């Protein structure tokens, strides 16, 4: 099959599969990326809440680790997503 054959076969909601592929496409060699929820939602034509649910699905399935990033002044920055291989 193709590059995402295992994610296609995974028992995940469609939203989670789409968001996983989006994040995979934008990740570096370590499987990390940090797009904003709003950016993901806009580019996939999904609501912010749907993206949040998809990220929760992927985290619960053990396919994604999310970590809050912080600015030097103590303010929140974007989330860092680390993808696990399927």
PDB file of N, CA and C in Angstrom:
ATOM      1  N   UNK A   1       0.834  -1.186   0.000  1.00  0.00           N
ATOM      2  CA  UNK A   1       0.000   0.000   0.000  1.00  0.00           C
ATOM      3  C   UNK A   1       0.871   1.237   0.000  1.00  0.00           C
ATOM      4  N   UNK A   2       0.391   2.301   0.606  1.00  0.00           N
ATOM      5  CA  UNK A   2       1.133   3.545   0.572  1.00  0.00           C
ATOM      6  C   UNK A   2       1.781   3.901   1.887  1.00  0.00           C
ATOM      7  N   UNK A   3       2.260   5.105   1.950  1.00  0.00           N
ATOM      8  CA  UNK A   3       2.976   5.639   3.087  1.00  0.00           C
ATOM      9  C   UNK A   3       2.154   5.606   4.371  1.00  0.00           C
ATOM     10  N   UNK A   4       0.849   5.852   4.265  1.00  0.00           N
ATOM     11  CA  UNK A   4      -0.027   5.913   5.422  1.00  0.00           C
ATOM     12  C   UNK A   4      -0.904   4.671   5.569  1.00  0.00           C
ATOM     13  N   UNK A   5      -0.526   3.562   4.996  1.00  0.00           N
ATOM     14  CA  UNK A   5      -1.391   2.378   5.018  1.00  0.00           C
ATOM     15  C   UNK A   5      -1.752   1.936   6.429  1.00  0.00           C
ATOM     16  N   UNK A   6      -0.824   2.053   7.365  1.00  0.00           N
ATOM     17  CA  UNK A   6      -1.129   1.639   8.739  1.00  0.00           C
ATOM     18  C   UNK A   6      -2.084   2.605   9.431  1.00  0.00           C
ATOM     19  N   UNK A   7      -1.977   3.884   9.140  1.00  0.00           N
ATOM     20  CA  UNK A   7      -2.906   4.842   9.745  1.00  0.00           C
ATOM     21  C   UNK A   7      -4.292   4.676   9.143  1.00  0.00           C
ATOM     22  N   UNK A   8      -4.365   4.324   7.845  1.00  0.00           N
ATOM     23  CA  UNK A   8      -5.673   4.054   7.233  1.00  0.00           C
ATOM     24  C   UNK A   8      -6.350   2.881   7.933  1.00  0.00           C
ATOM     25  N   UNK A   9      -5.587   1.870   8.278  1.00  0.00           N
ATOM     26  CA  UNK A   9      -6.138   0.656   8.881  1.00  0.00           C
ATOM     27  C   UNK A   9      -6.387   0.803  10.380  1.00  0.00           C
ATOM     28  N   UNK A  10      -5.838   1.830  10.995  1.00  0.00           N
ATOM     29  CA  UNK A  10      -5.979   2.011  12.448  1.00  0.00           C
ATOM     30  C   UNK A  10      -7.430   2.288  12.819  1.00  0.00           C
ATOM     31  N   UNK A  11      -7.792   1.865  14.011  1.00  0.00           N
ATOM     32  CA  UNK A  11      -9.146   2.073  14.524  1.00  0.00           C
ATOM     33  C   UNK A  11      -9.225   3.461  15.161  1.00  0.00           C
ATOM     34  N   UNK A  12      -9.248   4.475  14.297  1.00  0.00           N
ATOM     35  CA  UNK A  12      -9.300   5.868  14.725  1.00  0.00           C
ATOM     36  C   UNK A  12     -10.399   6.589  13.959  1.00  0.00           C
ATOM     37  N   UNK A  13     -10.977   7.639  14.556  1.00  0.00           N
ATOM     38  CA  UNK A  13     -11.937   8.453  13.801  1.00  0.00           C
ATOM     39  C   UNK A  13     -11.249   9.127  12.611  1.00  0.00           C
ATOM     40  N   UNK A  14     -12.025   9.430  11.618  1.00  0.00           N
ATOM     41  CA  UNK A  14     -11.507  10.082  10.412  1.00  0.00           C
ATOM     42  C   UNK A  14     -10.744  11.353  10.756  1.00  0.00           C
ATOM     43  N   UNK A  15     -11.281  12.144  11.680  1.00  0.00           N
ATOM     44  CA  UNK A  15     -10.630  13.409  12.046  1.00  0.00           C
ATOM     45  C   UNK A  15      -9.200  13.179  12.527  1.00  0.00           C
ATOM     46  N   UNK A  16      -8.994  12.112  13.300  1.00  0.00           N
ATOM     47  CA  UNK A  16      -7.664  11.822  13.838  1.00  0.00           C
ATOM     48  C   UNK A  16      -6.708  11.409  12.726  1.00  0.00           C
ATOM     49  N   UNK A  17      -7.194  10.641  11.781  1.00  0.00           N
ATOM     50  CA  UNK A  17      -6.344  10.211  10.665  1.00  0.00           C
ATOM     51  C   UNK A  17      -5.890  11.408   9.841  1.00  0.00           C
ATOM     52  N   UNK A  18      -6.816  12.316   9.577  1.00  0.00           N
ATOM     53  CA  UNK A  18      -6.499  13.494   8.769  1.00  0.00           C
ATOM     54  C   UNK A  18      -5.487  14.383   9.491  1.00  0.00           C
ATOM     55  N   UNK A  19      -5.693  14.607  10.782  1.00  0.00           N
ATOM     56  CA  UNK A  19      -4.777  15.451  11.542  1.00  0.00           C
ATOM     57  C   UNK A  19      -3.414  14.775  11.670  1.00  0.00           C
ATOM     58  N   UNK A  20      -3.378  13.454  11.863  1.00  0.00           N
ATOM     59  CA  UNK A  20      -2.093  12.744  11.923  1.00  0.00           C
ATOM     60  C   UNK A  20      -1.324  12.947  10.617  1.00  0.00           C
ATOM     61  N   UNK A  21      -1.988  12.783   9.484  1.00  0.00           N
ATOM     62  CA  UNK A  21      -1.318  12.946   8.193  1.00  0.00           C
ATOM     63  C   UNK A  21      -0.831  14.384   8.008  1.00  0.00           C
ATOM     64  N   UNK A  22      -1.631  15.345   8.446  1.00  0.00           N
ATOM     65  CA  UNK A  22      -1.233  16.756   8.368  1.00  0.00           C
ATOM     66  C   UNK A  22       0.042  16.993   9.174  1.00  0.00           C
ATOM     67  N   UNK A  23       0.040  16.521  10.426  1.00  0.00           N
ATOM     68  CA  UNK A  23       1.198  16.715  11.288  1.00  0.00           C
ATOM     69  C   UNK A  23       2.426  15.976  10.751  1.00  0.00           C
ATOM     70  N   UNK A  24       2.220  14.778  10.242  1.00  0.00           N
ATOM     71  CA  UNK A  24       3.315  13.987   9.678  1.00  0.00           C
ATOM     72  C   UNK A  24       3.951  14.720   8.503  1.00  0.00           C
ATOM     73  N   UNK A  25       3.104  15.316   7.679  1.00  0.00           N
ATOM     74  CA  UNK A  25       3.579  16.042   6.502  1.00  0.00           C
ATOM     75  C   UNK A  25       4.421  17.258   6.877  1.00  0.00           C
ATOM     76  N   UNK A  26       4.175  17.822   8.060  1.00  0.00           N
ATOM     77  CA  UNK A  26       4.873  19.026   8.481  1.00  0.00           C
ATOM     78  C   UNK A  26       5.951  18.784   9.527  1.00  0.00           C
ATOM     79  N   UNK A  27       6.186  17.543   9.870  1.00  0.00           N
ATOM     80  CA  UNK A  27       7.152  17.247  10.932  1.00  0.00           C
ATOM     81  C   UNK A  27       8.574  17.126  10.393  1.00  0.00           C
ATOM     82  N   UNK A  28       9.524  17.323  11.293  1.00  0.00           N
ATOM     83  CA  UNK A  28      10.934  17.188  10.936  1.00  0.00           C
ATOM     84  C   UNK A  28      11.363  15.724  11.038  1.00  0.00           C
ATOM     85  N   UNK A  29      12.651  15.458  10.934  1.00  0.00           N
ATOM     86  CA  UNK A  29      13.138  14.079  10.961  1.00  0.00           C
ATOM     87  C   UNK A  29      12.915  13.398  12.301  1.00  0.00           C
ATOM     88  N   UNK A  30      12.757  14.186  13.365  1.00  0.00           N
ATOM     89  CA  UNK A  30      12.482  13.625  14.682  1.00  0.00           C
ATOM     90  C   UNK A  30      10.987  13.439  14.922  1.00  0.00           C
ATOM     91  N   UNK A  31      10.169  13.756  13.922  1.00  0.00           N
ATOM     92  CA  UNK A  31       8.723  13.612  14.054  1.00  0.00           C
ATOM     93  C   UNK A  31       8.087  14.734  14.847  1.00  0.00           C
ATOM     94  N   UNK A  32       8.736  15.902  14.889  1.00  0.00           N
ATOM     95  CA  UNK A  32       8.229  17.015  15.675  1.00  0.00           C
ATOM     96  C   UNK A  32       7.800  18.184  14.795  1.00  0.00           C
ATOM     97  N   UNK A  33       6.733  18.850  15.225  1.00  0.00           N
ATOM     98  CA  UNK A  33       6.262  20.065  14.572  1.00  0.00           C
ATOM     99  C   UNK A  33       5.448  20.866  15.586  1.00  0.00           C
ATOM    100  N   UNK A  34       5.114  22.093  15.261  1.00  0.00           N
ATOM    101  CA  UNK A  34       4.405  22.937  16.228  1.00  0.00           C
ATOM    102  C   UNK A  34       3.429  23.913  15.574  1.00  0.00           C
ATOM    103  N   UNK A  35       2.553  23.439  14.697  1.00  0.00           N
ATOM    104  CA  UNK A  35       1.548  24.344  14.134  1.00  0.00           C
ATOM    105  C   UNK A  35       0.475  24.681  15.172  1.00  0.00           C
ATOM    106  N   UNK A  36      -0.096  25.847  15.059  1.00  0.00           N
ATOM    107  CA  UNK A  36      -1.177  26.263  15.956  1.00  0.00           C
ATOM    108  C   UNK A  36      -2.461  25.507  15.606  1.00  0.00           C
ATOM    109  N   UNK A  37      -3.317  25.323  16.597  1.00  0.00           N
ATOM    110  CA  UNK A  37      -4.604  24.664  16.382  1.00  0.00           C
ATOM    111  C   UNK A  37      -5.389  25.399  15.284  1.00  0.00           C
ATOM    112  N   UNK A  38      -5.377  26.726  15.347  1.00  0.00           N
ATOM    113  CA  UNK A  38      -6.094  27.518  14.353  1.00  0.00           C
ATOM    114  C   UNK A  38      -5.561  27.312  12.943  1.00  0.00           C
ATOM    115  N   UNK A  39      -4.267  27.165  12.816  1.00  0.00           N
ATOM    116  CA  UNK A  39      -3.656  26.918  11.505  1.00  0.00           C
ATOM    117  C   UNK A  39      -4.073  25.564  10.964  1.00  0.00           C
ATOM    118  N   UNK A  40      -4.020  24.544  11.818  1.00  0.00           N
ATOM    119  CA  UNK A  40      -4.443  23.205  11.395  1.00  0.00           C
ATOM    120  C   UNK A  40      -5.902  23.239  10.957  1.00  0.00           C
ATOM    121  N   UNK A  41      -6.746  23.860  11.773  1.00  0.00           N
ATOM    122  CA  UNK A  41      -8.181  23.934  11.468  1.00  0.00           C
ATOM    123  C   UNK A  41      -8.434  24.643  10.143  1.00  0.00           C
ATOM    124  N   UNK A  42      -7.764  25.764   9.945  1.00  0.00           N
ATOM    125  CA  UNK A  42      -7.963  26.537   8.715  1.00  0.00           C
ATOM    126  C   UNK A  42      -7.495  25.766   7.489  1.00  0.00           C
ATOM    127  N   UNK A  43      -6.325  25.155   7.565  1.00  0.00           N
ATOM    128  CA  UNK A  43      -5.781  24.465   6.399  1.00  0.00           C
ATOM    129  C   UNK A  43      -6.524  23.167   6.076  1.00  0.00           C
ATOM    130  N   UNK A  44      -7.134  22.530   7.092  1.00  0.00           N
ATOM    131  CA  UNK A  44      -7.892  21.302   6.843  1.00  0.00           C
ATOM    132  C   UNK A  44      -9.389  21.556   6.702  1.00  0.00           C
ATOM    133  N   UNK A  45      -9.794  22.823   6.847  1.00  0.00           N
ATOM    134  CA  UNK A  45     -11.201  23.203   6.776  1.00  0.00           C
ATOM    135  C   UNK A  45     -12.026  22.455   7.833  1.00  0.00           C
ATOM    136  N   UNK A  46     -11.494  22.417   9.058  1.00  0.00           N
ATOM    137  CA  UNK A  46     -12.162  21.803  10.202  1.00  0.00           C
ATOM    138  C   UNK A  46     -12.343  22.874  11.271  1.00  0.00           C
ATOM    139  N   UNK A  47     -13.222  22.616  12.225  1.00  0.00           N
ATOM    140  CA  UNK A  47     -13.352  23.536  13.348  1.00  0.00           C
ATOM    141  C   UNK A  47     -12.196  23.318  14.317  1.00  0.00           C
ATOM    142  N   UNK A  48     -11.920  24.337  15.118  1.00  0.00           N
ATOM    143  CA  UNK A  48     -10.866  24.213  16.132  1.00  0.00           C
ATOM    144  C   UNK A  48     -11.184  23.065  17.078  1.00  0.00           C
ATOM    145  N   UNK A  49     -12.449  22.932  17.467  1.00  0.00           N
ATOM    146  CA  UNK A  49     -12.847  21.879  18.399  1.00  0.00           C
ATOM    147  C   UNK A  49     -12.624  20.490  17.804  1.00  0.00           C
ATOM    148  N   UNK A  50     -12.890  20.320  16.513  1.00  0.00           N
ATOM    149  CA  UNK A  50     -12.653  19.030  15.856  1.00  0.00           C
ATOM    150  C   UNK A  50     -11.169  18.693  15.874  1.00  0.00           C
ATOM    151  N   UNK A  51     -10.328  19.689  15.637  1.00  0.00           N
ATOM    152  CA  UNK A  51      -8.878  19.465  15.683  1.00  0.00           C
ATOM    153  C   UNK A  51      -8.457  19.083  17.102  1.00  0.00           C
ATOM    154  N   UNK A  52      -9.000  19.768  18.100  1.00  0.00           N
ATOM    155  CA  UNK A  52      -8.683  19.439  19.494  1.00  0.00           C
ATOM    156  C   UNK A  52      -9.089  18.002  19.822  1.00  0.00           C
ATOM    157  N   UNK A  53     -10.255  17.585  19.355  1.00  0.00           N
ATOM    158  CA  UNK A  53     -10.699  16.203  19.580  1.00  0.00           C
ATOM    159  C   UNK A  53      -9.783  15.210  18.880  1.00  0.00           C
ATOM    160  N   UNK A  54      -9.365  15.531  17.667  1.00  0.00           N
ATOM    161  CA  UNK A  54      -8.469  14.651  16.916  1.00  0.00           C
ATOM    162  C   UNK A  54      -7.132  14.501  17.642  1.00  0.00           C
ATOM    163  N   UNK A  55      -6.619  15.595  18.169  1.00  0.00           N
ATOM    164  CA  UNK A  55      -5.363  15.544  18.916  1.00  0.00           C
ATOM    165  C   UNK A  55      -5.535  14.696  20.172  1.00  0.00           C
ATOM    166  N   UNK A  56      -6.674  14.819  20.831  1.00  0.00           N
ATOM    167  CA  UNK A  56      -6.960  13.982  22.006  1.00  0.00           C
ATOM    168  C   UNK A  56      -7.042  12.512  21.609  1.00  0.00           C
ATOM    169  N   UNK A  57      -7.672  12.214  20.466  1.00  0.00           N
ATOM    170  CA  UNK A  57      -7.754  10.829  19.966  1.00  0.00           C
ATOM    171  C   UNK A  57      -6.364  10.252  19.740  1.00  0.00           C
ATOM    172  N   UNK A  58      -5.504  11.031  19.097  1.00  0.00           N
ATOM    173  CA  UNK A  58      -4.153  10.573  18.775  1.00  0.00           C
ATOM    174  C   UNK A  58      -3.307  10.402  20.037  1.00  0.00           C
ATOM    175  N   UNK A  59      -3.482  11.295  20.990  1.00  0.00           N
ATOM    176  CA  UNK A  59      -2.757  11.193  22.258  1.00  0.00           C
ATOM    177  C   UNK A  59      -3.192   9.941  23.015  1.00  0.00           C
ATOM    178  N   UNK A  60      -4.500   9.716  23.070  1.00  0.00           N
ATOM    179  CA  UNK A  60      -5.031   8.544  23.772  1.00  0.00           C
ATOM    180  C   UNK A  60      -4.580   7.249  23.106  1.00  0.00           C
ATOM    181  N   UNK A  61      -4.453   7.254  21.784  1.00  0.00           N
ATOM    182  CA  UNK A  61      -4.014   6.064  21.041  1.00  0.00           C
ATOM    183  C   UNK A  61      -2.502   5.848  21.133  1.00  0.00           C
ATOM    184  N   UNK A  62      -1.791   6.797  21.731  1.00  0.00           N
ATOM    185  CA  UNK A  62      -0.344   6.669  21.868  1.00  0.00           C
ATOM    186  C   UNK A  62       0.430   7.031  20.622  1.00  0.00           C
ATOM    187  N   UNK A  63      -0.194   7.728  19.699  1.00  0.00           N
ATOM    188  CA  UNK A  63       0.452   8.101  18.445  1.00  0.00           C
ATOM    189  C   UNK A  63       1.031   9.509  18.459  1.00  0.00           C
ATOM    190  N   UNK A  64       0.715  10.274  19.510  1.00  0.00           N
ATOM    191  CA  UNK A  64       1.114  11.673  19.555  1.00  0.00           C
ATOM    192  C   UNK A  64       1.407  12.071  21.000  1.00  0.00           C
ATOM    193  N   UNK A  65       2.476  12.820  21.165  1.00  0.00           N
ATOM    194  CA  UNK A  65       2.785  13.434  22.455  1.00  0.00           C
ATOM    195  C   UNK A  65       2.740  14.934  22.233  1.00  0.00           C
ATOM    196  N   UNK A  66       2.003  15.631  23.083  1.00  0.00           N
ATOM    197  CA  UNK A  66       1.984  17.094  22.971  1.00  0.00           C
ATOM    198  C   UNK A  66       2.594  17.690  24.223  1.00  0.00           C
ATOM    199  N   UNK A  67       3.360  18.750  24.018  1.00  0.00           N
ATOM    200  CA  UNK A  67       4.068  19.392  25.124  1.00  0.00           C
ATOM    201  C   UNK A  67       3.955  20.897  24.956  1.00  0.00           C
ATOM    202  N   UNK A  68       3.579  21.574  26.032  1.00  0.00           N
ATOM    203  CA  UNK A  68       3.485  23.028  25.994  1.00  0.00           C
ATOM    204  C   UNK A  68       4.877  23.624  25.904  1.00  0.00           C
ATOM    205  N   UNK A  69       5.045  24.591  25.012  1.00  0.00           N
ATOM    206  CA  UNK A  69       6.303  25.324  24.915  1.00  0.00           C
ATOM    207  C   UNK A  69       6.104  26.677  25.580  1.00  0.00           C
ATOM    208  N   UNK A  70       7.191  27.243  26.111  1.00  0.00           N
ATOM    209  CA  UNK A  70       7.118  28.500  26.846  1.00  0.00           C
ATOM    210  C   UNK A  70       8.104  29.518  26.273  1.00  0.00           C
ATOM    211  N   UNK A  71       7.706  30.757  26.313  1.00  0.00           N
ATOM    212  CA  UNK A  71       8.576  31.854  25.895  1.00  0.00           C
ATOM    213  C   UNK A  71       9.532  32.211  27.037  1.00  0.00           C
ATOM    214  N   UNK A  72      10.574  32.959  26.720  1.00  0.00           N
ATOM    215  CA  UNK A  72      11.543  33.381  27.732  1.00  0.00           C
ATOM    216  C   UNK A  72      10.901  34.235  28.823  1.00  0.00           C
ATOM    217  N   UNK A  73       9.843  34.981  28.474  1.00  0.00           N
ATOM    218  CA  UNK A  73       9.194  35.852  29.457  1.00  0.00           C
ATOM    219  C   UNK A  73       8.152  35.111  30.302  1.00  0.00           C
ATOM    220  N   UNK A  74       8.051  33.784  30.115  1.00  0.00           N
ATOM    221  CA  UNK A  74       7.121  32.977  30.905  1.00  0.00           C
ATOM    222  C   UNK A  74       5.762  32.768  30.264  1.00  0.00           C
ATOM    223  N   UNK A  75       5.514  33.400  29.133  1.00  0.00           N
ATOM    224  CA  UNK A  75       4.232  33.238  28.445  1.00  0.00           C
ATOM    225  C   UNK A  75       4.187  31.944  27.649  1.00  0.00           C
ATOM    226  N   UNK A  76       2.970  31.481  27.398  1.00  0.00           N
ATOM    227  CA  UNK A  76       2.801  30.262  26.607  1.00  0.00           C
ATOM    228  C   UNK A  76       3.151  30.516  25.148  1.00  0.00           C
ATOM    229  N   UNK A  77       3.737  29.515  24.544  1.00  0.00           N
ATOM    230  CA  UNK A  77       4.004  29.512  23.112  1.00  0.00           C
ATOM    231  C   UNK A  77       3.167  28.376  22.513  1.00  0.00           C
ATOM    232  N   UNK A  78       3.471  27.970  21.323  1.00  0.00           N
ATOM    233  CA  UNK A  78       2.707  26.902  20.689  1.00  0.00           C
ATOM    234  C   UNK A  78       3.012  25.549  21.316  1.00  0.00           C
ATOM    235  N   UNK A  79       2.162  24.578  21.040  1.00  0.00           N
ATOM    236  CA  UNK A  79       2.384  23.214  21.493  1.00  0.00           C
ATOM    237  C   UNK A  79       3.394  22.541  20.578  1.00  0.00           C
ATOM    238  N   UNK A  80       4.218  21.693  21.140  1.00  0.00           N
ATOM    239  CA  UNK A  80       5.148  20.879  20.362  1.00  0.00           C
ATOM    240  C   UNK A  80       4.531  19.492  20.239  1.00  0.00           C
ATOM    241  N   UNK A  81       4.330  19.043  19.022  1.00  0.00           N
ATOM    242  CA  UNK A  81       3.772  17.715  18.767  1.00  0.00           C
ATOM    243  C   UNK A  81       4.889  16.777  18.340  1.00  0.00           C
ATOM    244  N   UNK A  82       4.948  15.623  18.956  1.00  0.00           N
ATOM    245  CA  UNK A  82       5.900  14.589  18.574  1.00  0.00           C
ATOM    246  C   UNK A  82       5.105  13.367  18.160  1.00  0.00           C
ATOM    247  N   UNK A  83       5.243  12.971  16.899  1.00  0.00           N
ATOM    248  CA  UNK A  83       4.515  11.832  16.359  1.00  0.00           C
ATOM    249  C   UNK A  83       5.253  10.528  16.623  1.00  0.00           C
ATOM    250  N   UNK A  84       4.500   9.524  16.970  1.00  0.00           N
ATOM    251  CA  UNK A  84       5.039   8.178  17.099  1.00  0.00           C
ATOM    252  C   UNK A  84       4.747   7.465  15.793  1.00  0.00           C
ATOM    253  N   UNK A  85       5.662   6.633  15.351  1.00  0.00           N
ATOM    254  CA  UNK A  85       5.440   5.868  14.124  1.00  0.00           C
ATOM    255  C   UNK A  85       4.344   4.847  14.357  1.00  0.00           C
ATOM    256  N   UNK A  86       3.537   4.644  13.350  1.00  0.00           N
ATOM    257  CA  UNK A  86       2.433   3.685  13.440  1.00  0.00           C
ATOM    258  C   UNK A  86       2.947   2.317  13.105  1.00  0.00           C
TER     259      UNK A  86
END
